[in-house]
């Protein structure tokens, strides 16, 4: 249960940091780098979600005994 909250705060933290980086870079006139930073942040969050999704499927398999 505590791990789930940690994952949510981790994803939210990454989102906040990437949003700040994007805003600063966009105001500096480097919109292309800002978009790349946003894309990298999205990919990092996607990997975190995919890793936890595989854990979820393993737990579902163990509950329904599909091993």
PDB file of N, CA and C in Angstrom:
ATOM      1  N   UNK A   1       0.820  -1.189   0.000  1.00  0.00           N
ATOM      2  CA  UNK A   1       0.000   0.000   0.000  1.00  0.00           C
ATOM      3  C   UNK A   1       0.867   1.258   0.000  1.00  0.00           C
ATOM      4  N   UNK A   2       1.914   1.249   0.808  1.00  0.00           N
ATOM      5  CA  UNK A   2       2.800   2.406   0.862  1.00  0.00           C
ATOM      6  C   UNK A   2       3.562   2.567  -0.448  1.00  0.00           C
ATOM      7  N   UNK A   3       3.892   1.454  -1.105  1.00  0.00           N
ATOM      8  CA  UNK A   3       4.592   1.510  -2.382  1.00  0.00           C
ATOM      9  C   UNK A   3       3.762   2.161  -3.468  1.00  0.00           C
ATOM     10  N   UNK A   4       2.439   1.958  -3.406  1.00  0.00           N
ATOM     11  CA  UNK A   4       1.559   2.559  -4.408  1.00  0.00           C
ATOM     12  C   UNK A   4       1.570   4.078  -4.296  1.00  0.00           C
ATOM     13  N   UNK A   5       1.541   4.574  -3.064  1.00  0.00           N
ATOM     14  CA  UNK A   5       1.578   6.025  -2.876  1.00  0.00           C
ATOM     15  C   UNK A   5       2.925   6.578  -3.326  1.00  0.00           C
ATOM     16  N   UNK A   6       3.993   5.831  -3.071  1.00  0.00           N
ATOM     17  CA  UNK A   6       5.328   6.261  -3.498  1.00  0.00           C
ATOM     18  C   UNK A   6       5.394   6.393  -5.013  1.00  0.00           C
ATOM     19  N   UNK A   7       4.807   5.461  -5.722  1.00  0.00           N
ATOM     20  CA  UNK A   7       4.814   5.492  -7.188  1.00  0.00           C
ATOM     21  C   UNK A   7       4.039   6.714  -7.698  1.00  0.00           C
ATOM     22  N   UNK A   8       2.889   6.991  -7.079  1.00  0.00           N
ATOM     23  CA  UNK A   8       2.097   8.149  -7.493  1.00  0.00           C
ATOM     24  C   UNK A   8       2.857   9.449  -7.259  1.00  0.00           C
ATOM     25  N   UNK A   9       3.506   9.567  -6.084  1.00  0.00           N
ATOM     26  CA  UNK A   9       4.276  10.780  -5.803  1.00  0.00           C
ATOM     27  C   UNK A   9       5.489  10.889  -6.726  1.00  0.00           C
ATOM     28  N   UNK A  10       6.078   9.750  -7.082  1.00  0.00           N
ATOM     29  CA  UNK A  10       7.223   9.758  -7.993  1.00  0.00           C
ATOM     30  C   UNK A  10       6.797  10.260  -9.373  1.00  0.00           C
ATOM     31  N   UNK A  11       5.688   9.772  -9.871  1.00  0.00           N
ATOM     32  CA  UNK A  11       5.187  10.202 -11.182  1.00  0.00           C
ATOM     33  C   UNK A  11       4.786  11.677 -11.139  1.00  0.00           C
ATOM     34  N   UNK A  12       4.128  12.087 -10.053  1.00  0.00           N
ATOM     35  CA  UNK A  12       3.738  13.495  -9.926  1.00  0.00           C
ATOM     36  C   UNK A  12       4.974  14.389  -9.851  1.00  0.00           C
ATOM     37  N   UNK A  13       5.992  13.960  -9.128  1.00  0.00           N
ATOM     38  CA  UNK A  13       7.227  14.734  -9.032  1.00  0.00           C
ATOM     39  C   UNK A  13       7.911  14.886 -10.374  1.00  0.00           C
ATOM     40  N   UNK A  14       7.961  13.789 -11.131  1.00  0.00           N
ATOM     41  CA  UNK A  14       8.558  13.856 -12.466  1.00  0.00           C
ATOM     42  C   UNK A  14       7.761  14.825 -13.340  1.00  0.00           C
ATOM     43  N   UNK A  15       6.441  14.774 -13.244  1.00  0.00           N
ATOM     44  CA  UNK A  15       5.596  15.674 -14.025  1.00  0.00           C
ATOM     45  C   UNK A  15       5.833  17.132 -13.692  1.00  0.00           C
ATOM     46  N   UNK A  16       5.960  17.437 -12.398  1.00  0.00           N
ATOM     47  CA  UNK A  16       6.192  18.818 -11.981  1.00  0.00           C
ATOM     48  C   UNK A  16       7.549  19.322 -12.462  1.00  0.00           C
ATOM     49  N   UNK A  17       8.580  18.483 -12.309  1.00  0.00           N
ATOM     50  CA  UNK A  17       9.927  18.885 -12.741  1.00  0.00           C
ATOM     51  C   UNK A  17       9.967  19.094 -14.248  1.00  0.00           C
ATOM     52  N   UNK A  18       9.377  18.189 -15.005  1.00  0.00           N
ATOM     53  CA  UNK A  18       9.371  18.316 -16.464  1.00  0.00           C
ATOM     54  C   UNK A  18       8.578  19.548 -16.887  1.00  0.00           C
ATOM     55  N   UNK A  19       7.472  19.841 -16.205  1.00  0.00           N
ATOM     56  CA  UNK A  19       6.690  21.038 -16.537  1.00  0.00           C
ATOM     57  C   UNK A  19       7.495  22.307 -16.295  1.00  0.00           C
ATOM     58  N   UNK A  20       8.250  22.332 -15.206  1.00  0.00           N
ATOM     59  CA  UNK A  20       9.087  23.512 -14.936  1.00  0.00           C
ATOM     60  C   UNK A  20      10.191  23.645 -15.976  1.00  0.00           C
ATOM     61  N   UNK A  21      10.839  22.531 -16.318  1.00  0.00           N
ATOM     62  CA  UNK A  21      11.895  22.560 -17.344  1.00  0.00           C
ATOM     63  C   UNK A  21      11.316  23.032 -18.674  1.00  0.00           C
ATOM     64  N   UNK A  22      10.147  22.516 -19.017  1.00  0.00           N
ATOM     65  CA  UNK A  22       9.497  22.892 -20.276  1.00  0.00           C
ATOM     66  C   UNK A  22       9.196  24.398 -20.302  1.00  0.00           C
ATOM     67  N   UNK A  23       8.669  24.926 -19.202  1.00  0.00           N
ATOM     68  CA  UNK A  23       8.325  26.345 -19.137  1.00  0.00           C
ATOM     69  C   UNK A  23       9.564  27.221 -19.265  1.00  0.00           C
ATOM     70  N   UNK A  24      10.625  26.858 -18.542  1.00  0.00           N
ATOM     71  CA  UNK A  24      11.854  27.656 -18.599  1.00  0.00           C
ATOM     72  C   UNK A  24      12.454  27.631 -20.001  1.00  0.00           C
ATOM     73  N   UNK A  25      12.530  26.456 -20.597  1.00  0.00           N
ATOM     74  CA  UNK A  25      13.110  26.351 -21.936  1.00  0.00           C
ATOM     75  C   UNK A  25      12.257  27.083 -22.965  1.00  0.00           C
ATOM     76  N   UNK A  26      10.939  27.025 -22.820  1.00  0.00           N
ATOM     77  CA  UNK A  26      10.070  27.705 -23.774  1.00  0.00           C
ATOM     78  C   UNK A  26      10.221  29.217 -23.667  1.00  0.00           C
ATOM     79  N   UNK A  27      10.371  29.734 -22.452  1.00  0.00           N
ATOM     80  CA  UNK A  27      10.556  31.173 -22.280  1.00  0.00           C
ATOM     81  C   UNK A  27      11.916  31.633 -22.784  1.00  0.00           C
ATOM     82  N   UNK A  28      12.888  30.719 -22.803  1.00  0.00           N
ATOM     83  CA  UNK A  28      14.204  31.058 -23.339  1.00  0.00           C
ATOM     84  C   UNK A  28      14.234  30.984 -24.862  1.00  0.00           C
ATOM     85  N   UNK A  29      13.118  30.543 -25.461  1.00  0.00           N
ATOM     86  CA  UNK A  29      13.051  30.463 -26.913  1.00  0.00           C
ATOM     87  C   UNK A  29      13.546  29.143 -27.477  1.00  0.00           C
ATOM     88  N   UNK A  30      13.719  28.170 -26.636  1.00  0.00           N
ATOM     89  CA  UNK A  30      14.198  26.856 -27.087  1.00  0.00           C
ATOM     90  C   UNK A  30      13.043  25.853 -27.029  1.00  0.00           C
ATOM     91  N   UNK A  31      12.057  26.092 -27.878  1.00  0.00           N
ATOM     92  CA  UNK A  31      10.845  25.268 -27.857  1.00  0.00           C
ATOM     93  C   UNK A  31      11.110  23.839 -28.297  1.00  0.00           C
ATOM     94  N   UNK A  32      12.054  23.647 -29.222  1.00  0.00           N
ATOM     95  CA  UNK A  32      12.336  22.288 -29.680  1.00  0.00           C
ATOM     96  C   UNK A  32      12.965  21.446 -28.565  1.00  0.00           C
ATOM     97  N   UNK A  33      13.851  22.037 -27.790  1.00  0.00           N
ATOM     98  CA  UNK A  33      14.454  21.313 -26.672  1.00  0.00           C
ATOM     99  C   UNK A  33      13.410  21.079 -25.579  1.00  0.00           C
ATOM    100  N   UNK A  34      12.495  22.023 -25.392  1.00  0.00           N
ATOM    101  CA  UNK A  34      11.428  21.870 -24.403  1.00  0.00           C
ATOM    102  C   UNK A  34      10.529  20.694 -24.763  1.00  0.00           C
ATOM    103  N   UNK A  35      10.233  20.545 -26.046  1.00  0.00           N
ATOM    104  CA  UNK A  35       9.414  19.413 -26.471  1.00  0.00           C
ATOM    105  C   UNK A  35      10.153  18.092 -26.270  1.00  0.00           C
ATOM    106  N   UNK A  36      11.449  18.080 -26.536  1.00  0.00           N
ATOM    107  CA  UNK A  36      12.238  16.859 -26.299  1.00  0.00           C
ATOM    108  C   UNK A  36      12.281  16.514 -24.817  1.00  0.00           C
ATOM    109  N   UNK A  37      12.400  17.516 -23.958  1.00  0.00           N
ATOM    110  CA  UNK A  37      12.406  17.271 -22.512  1.00  0.00           C
ATOM    111  C   UNK A  37      11.071  16.675 -22.069  1.00  0.00           C
ATOM    112  N   UNK A  38       9.980  17.197 -22.612  1.00  0.00           N
ATOM    113  CA  UNK A  38       8.662  16.657 -22.294  1.00  0.00           C
ATOM    114  C   UNK A  38       8.532  15.218 -22.769  1.00  0.00           C
ATOM    115  N   UNK A  39       9.037  14.931 -23.955  1.00  0.00           N
ATOM    116  CA  UNK A  39       8.987  13.575 -24.488  1.00  0.00           C
ATOM    117  C   UNK A  39       9.803  12.612 -23.633  1.00  0.00           C
ATOM    118  N   UNK A  40      10.977  13.038 -23.204  1.00  0.00           N
ATOM    119  CA  UNK A  40      11.812  12.189 -22.345  1.00  0.00           C
ATOM    120  C   UNK A  40      11.108  11.931 -21.017  1.00  0.00           C
ATOM    121  N   UNK A  41      10.489  12.948 -20.441  1.00  0.00           N
ATOM    122  CA  UNK A  41       9.742  12.766 -19.195  1.00  0.00           C
ATOM    123  C   UNK A  41       8.590  11.802 -19.368  1.00  0.00           C
ATOM    124  N   UNK A  42       7.889  11.908 -20.489  1.00  0.00           N
ATOM    125  CA  UNK A  42       6.783  10.995 -20.771  1.00  0.00           C
ATOM    126  C   UNK A  42       7.282   9.567 -20.898  1.00  0.00           C
ATOM    127  N   UNK A  43       8.405   9.359 -21.556  1.00  0.00           N
ATOM    128  CA  UNK A  43       8.954   8.010 -21.730  1.00  0.00           C
ATOM    129  C   UNK A  43       9.379   7.425 -20.382  1.00  0.00           C
ATOM    130  N   UNK A  44       9.961   8.253 -19.517  1.00  0.00           N
ATOM    131  CA  UNK A  44      10.357   7.777 -18.184  1.00  0.00           C
ATOM    132  C   UNK A  44       9.132   7.325 -17.402  1.00  0.00           C
ATOM    133  N   UNK A  45       8.079   8.138 -17.413  1.00  0.00           N
ATOM    134  CA  UNK A  45       6.851   7.775 -16.702  1.00  0.00           C
ATOM    135  C   UNK A  45       6.224   6.533 -17.328  1.00  0.00           C
ATOM    136  N   UNK A  46       6.282   6.412 -18.645  1.00  0.00           N
ATOM    137  CA  UNK A  46       5.738   5.246 -19.316  1.00  0.00           C
ATOM    138  C   UNK A  46       6.452   3.975 -18.875  1.00  0.00           C
ATOM    139  N   UNK A  47       7.776   4.014 -18.731  1.00  0.00           N
ATOM    140  CA  UNK A  47       8.517   2.849 -18.258  1.00  0.00           C
ATOM    141  C   UNK A  47       8.142   2.495 -16.820  1.00  0.00           C
ATOM    142  N   UNK A  48       7.940   3.505 -15.980  1.00  0.00           N
ATOM    143  CA  UNK A  48       7.532   3.246 -14.590  1.00  0.00           C
ATOM    144  C   UNK A  48       6.166   2.564 -14.566  1.00  0.00           C
ATOM    145  N   UNK A  49       5.239   3.075 -15.367  1.00  0.00           N
ATOM    146  CA  UNK A  49       3.888   2.504 -15.414  1.00  0.00           C
ATOM    147  C   UNK A  49       3.920   1.087 -15.976  1.00  0.00           C
ATOM    148  N   UNK A  50       4.694   0.855 -17.030  1.00  0.00           N
ATOM    149  CA  UNK A  50       4.766  -0.483 -17.624  1.00  0.00           C
ATOM    150  C   UNK A  50       5.348  -1.487 -16.641  1.00  0.00           C
ATOM    151  N   UNK A  51       6.360  -1.086 -15.876  1.00  0.00           N
ATOM    152  CA  UNK A  51       6.958  -1.978 -14.895  1.00  0.00           C
ATOM    153  C   UNK A  51       5.933  -2.362 -13.825  1.00  0.00           C
ATOM    154  N   UNK A  52       5.179  -1.392 -13.359  1.00  0.00           N
ATOM    155  CA  UNK A  52       4.179  -1.676 -12.332  1.00  0.00           C
ATOM    156  C   UNK A  52       2.974  -2.411 -12.896  1.00  0.00           C
ATOM    157  N   UNK A  53       2.688  -2.223 -14.166  1.00  0.00           N
ATOM    158  CA  UNK A  53       1.603  -2.951 -14.802  1.00  0.00           C
ATOM    159  C   UNK A  53       1.941  -4.428 -14.908  1.00  0.00           C
ATOM    160  N   UNK A  54       3.201  -4.760 -15.181  1.00  0.00           N
ATOM    161  CA  UNK A  54       3.591  -6.166 -15.230  1.00  0.00           C
ATOM    162  C   UNK A  54       3.481  -6.798 -13.846  1.00  0.00           C
ATOM    163  N   UNK A  55       3.814  -6.038 -12.788  1.00  0.00           N
ATOM    164  CA  UNK A  55       3.629  -6.544 -11.421  1.00  0.00           C
ATOM    165  C   UNK A  55       2.149  -6.806 -11.138  1.00  0.00           C
ATOM    166  N   UNK A  56       1.289  -5.921 -11.605  1.00  0.00           N
ATOM    167  CA  UNK A  56      -0.151  -6.095 -11.417  1.00  0.00           C
ATOM    168  C   UNK A  56      -0.631  -7.376 -12.098  1.00  0.00           C
ATOM    169  N   UNK A  57      -0.172  -7.613 -13.329  1.00  0.00           N
ATOM    170  CA  UNK A  57      -0.592  -8.825 -14.036  1.00  0.00           C
ATOM    171  C   UNK A  57      -0.078 -10.080 -13.348  1.00  0.00           C
ATOM    172  N   UNK A  58       1.115 -10.027 -12.769  1.00  0.00           N
ATOM    173  CA  UNK A  58       1.630 -11.172 -12.019  1.00  0.00           C
ATOM    174  C   UNK A  58       0.766 -11.441 -10.788  1.00  0.00           C
ATOM    175  N   UNK A  59       0.329 -10.399 -10.115  1.00  0.00           N
ATOM    176  CA  UNK A  59      -0.542 -10.582  -8.955  1.00  0.00           C
ATOM    177  C   UNK A  59      -1.893 -11.142  -9.365  1.00  0.00           C
ATOM    178  N   UNK A  60      -2.418 -10.695 -10.496  1.00  0.00           N
ATOM    179  CA  UNK A  60      -3.693 -11.231 -10.986  1.00  0.00           C
ATOM    180  C   UNK A  60      -3.544 -12.704 -11.329  1.00  0.00           C
ATOM    181  N   UNK A  61      -2.417 -13.067 -11.957  1.00  0.00           N
ATOM    182  CA  UNK A  61      -2.179 -14.473 -12.273  1.00  0.00           C
ATOM    183  C   UNK A  61      -2.117 -15.320 -11.008  1.00  0.00           C
ATOM    184  N   UNK A  62      -1.479 -14.814  -9.978  1.00  0.00           N
ATOM    185  CA  UNK A  62      -1.364 -15.598  -8.747  1.00  0.00           C
ATOM    186  C   UNK A  62      -2.715 -15.712  -8.033  1.00  0.00           C
ATOM    187  N   UNK A  63      -3.572 -14.693  -8.140  1.00  0.00           N
ATOM    188  CA  UNK A  63      -4.888 -14.752  -7.500  1.00  0.00           C
ATOM    189  C   UNK A  63      -5.763 -15.795  -8.189  1.00  0.00           C
ATOM    190  N   UNK A  64      -5.736 -15.829  -9.514  1.00  0.00           N
ATOM    191  CA  UNK A  64      -6.591 -16.737 -10.254  1.00  0.00           C
ATOM    192  C   UNK A  64      -5.894 -18.045 -10.610  1.00  0.00           C
ATOM    193  N   UNK A  65      -4.669 -18.245 -10.110  1.00  0.00           N
ATOM    194  CA  UNK A  65      -3.922 -19.486 -10.281  1.00  0.00           C
ATOM    195  C   UNK A  65      -3.740 -19.881 -11.749  1.00  0.00           C
ATOM    196  N   UNK A  66      -3.329 -18.911 -12.575  1.00  0.00           N
ATOM    197  CA  UNK A  66      -3.062 -19.180 -13.981  1.00  0.00           C
ATOM    198  C   UNK A  66      -1.604 -19.527 -14.235  1.00  0.00           C
ATOM    199  N   UNK A  67      -0.881 -19.910 -13.208  1.00  0.00           N
ATOM    200  CA  UNK A  67       0.552 -20.132 -13.358  1.00  0.00           C
ATOM    201  C   UNK A  67       0.809 -21.341 -14.182  1.00  0.00           C
TER     202      UNK A  67
END
